[in-house]
Amino acid sequence: MIQPLAHEFSVRSNWDACSPRIPGGILEPHFSPQEIAEAWGLSVDKVRDLFKDENGIVVIENPRLACSRRRYRTFRIPQSVAERVHRRLTRVV
């Protein structure tokens, strides 16, 4: 009997973002625009505008609705991307 290779994609309780077992940090925390808006004191529209062209965000869109008048998209922003944008926007005085 063939045993599954469970060790190739395991999750450890002391997981760190640099773990070579987890490709691309897919298990890092992801935030909605609403969550970031609340944390940063911004509007949801402003957060969506800040992140819309940012590399690394997850955009879920129904391709069947892409031709409709209004596009329905769900954004999820990984913690590393949120930190990168926050560093870029932060001014050192």
Protein backbone atom coordinates (compact mmCIF):
# COMPACT_ATOMS: atom_id res chain seq x y z
CA MET A 1 0.00 0.00 0.00
CA ILE A 2 1.26 3.51 -0.88
CA GLN A 3 1.52 5.85 2.07
CA PRO A 4 0.62 9.52 1.53
CA LEU A 5 3.49 11.95 1.91
CA ALA A 6 2.03 13.86 4.85
CA HIS A 7 5.35 15.46 5.70
CA GLU A 8 5.45 17.52 2.48
CA PHE A 9 2.61 19.79 3.55
CA SER A 10 2.45 19.50 7.29
CA VAL A 11 1.47 22.22 9.69
CA ARG A 12 3.43 22.45 12.87
CA SER A 13 2.13 24.02 16.03
CA ASN A 14 5.18 26.30 16.18
CA TRP A 15 4.76 27.40 12.55
CA ASP A 16 6.89 30.28 11.34
CA ALA A 17 6.55 32.25 8.09
CA CYS A 18 9.96 31.08 6.83
CA SER A 19 9.06 27.39 6.95
CA PRO A 20 10.22 25.68 3.73
CA ARG A 21 7.38 23.14 4.06
CA ILE A 22 4.63 25.64 3.33
CA PRO A 23 4.84 27.11 -0.19
CA GLY A 24 4.41 30.85 -0.54
CA GLY A 25 3.09 31.46 2.97
CA ILE A 26 -0.40 30.28 2.05
CA LEU A 27 -1.20 29.66 5.69
CA GLU A 28 -0.20 33.11 6.92
CA PRO A 29 -3.10 35.19 8.25
CA HIS A 30 -5.19 36.92 5.56
CA PHE A 31 -7.36 39.95 6.26
CA SER A 32 -10.43 41.42 4.61
CA PRO A 33 -10.42 45.09 3.60
CA GLN A 34 -12.93 45.68 6.44
CA GLU A 35 -10.50 44.31 9.04
CA ILE A 36 -7.63 46.45 7.78
CA ALA A 37 -9.89 49.51 7.55
CA GLU A 38 -10.87 49.11 11.20
CA ALA A 39 -7.27 48.56 12.33
CA TRP A 40 -5.86 51.49 10.36
CA GLY A 41 -8.80 53.89 10.85
CA LEU A 42 -9.59 54.15 7.13
CA SER A 43 -12.66 53.55 4.99
CA VAL A 44 -13.10 50.19 3.28
CA ASP A 45 -13.07 51.96 -0.11
CA LYS A 46 -9.71 53.55 0.68
CA VAL A 47 -8.24 50.18 1.70
CA ARG A 48 -9.51 48.56 -1.50
CA ASP A 49 -7.96 51.42 -3.48
CA LEU A 50 -4.61 51.05 -1.66
CA PHE A 51 -4.39 47.30 -2.30
CA LYS A 52 -6.12 46.85 -5.69
CA ASP A 53 -2.86 46.73 -7.71
CA GLU A 54 -0.63 45.33 -4.96
CA ASN A 55 1.29 42.13 -5.68
CA GLY A 56 0.37 39.19 -3.48
CA ILE A 57 -3.28 39.88 -2.68
CA VAL A 58 -5.91 37.23 -3.27
CA VAL A 59 -8.80 38.29 -5.50
CA ILE A 60 -11.75 35.94 -5.87
CA GLU A 61 -14.10 36.77 -8.71
CA ASN A 62 -16.87 34.84 -10.39
CA PRO A 63 -15.92 34.74 -14.10
CA ARG A 64 -19.56 34.32 -15.12
CA LEU A 65 -20.34 37.72 -13.60
CA ALA A 66 -17.34 39.46 -15.16
CA CYS A 67 -19.48 40.62 -18.09
CA SER A 68 -22.21 42.06 -15.87
CA ARG A 69 -22.51 45.74 -15.03
CA ARG A 70 -21.02 45.36 -11.59
CA ARG A 71 -18.00 43.24 -10.74
CA TYR A 72 -18.24 41.28 -7.51
CA ARG A 73 -14.77 40.63 -6.12
CA THR A 74 -13.57 39.42 -2.76
CA PHE A 75 -10.17 40.64 -1.57
CA ARG A 76 -8.01 38.87 0.98
CA ILE A 77 -4.80 40.56 1.99
CA PRO A 78 -1.97 38.46 3.43
CA GLN A 79 -0.32 39.80 6.57
CA SER A 80 3.04 40.19 4.77
CA VAL A 81 1.44 42.36 2.07
CA ALA A 82 -0.35 44.50 4.66
CA GLU A 83 2.94 44.99 6.50
CA ARG A 84 4.73 45.92 3.26
CA VAL A 85 2.11 48.54 2.36
CA HIS A 86 2.08 49.90 5.91
CA ARG A 87 5.89 50.30 5.84
CA ARG A 88 5.66 52.06 2.47
CA LEU A 89 2.99 54.47 3.74
CA THR A 90 4.69 55.19 7.06
CA ARG A 91 6.77 58.34 7.17
CA VAL A 92 9.76 58.52 9.45
CA VAL A 93 10.06 61.93 11.11
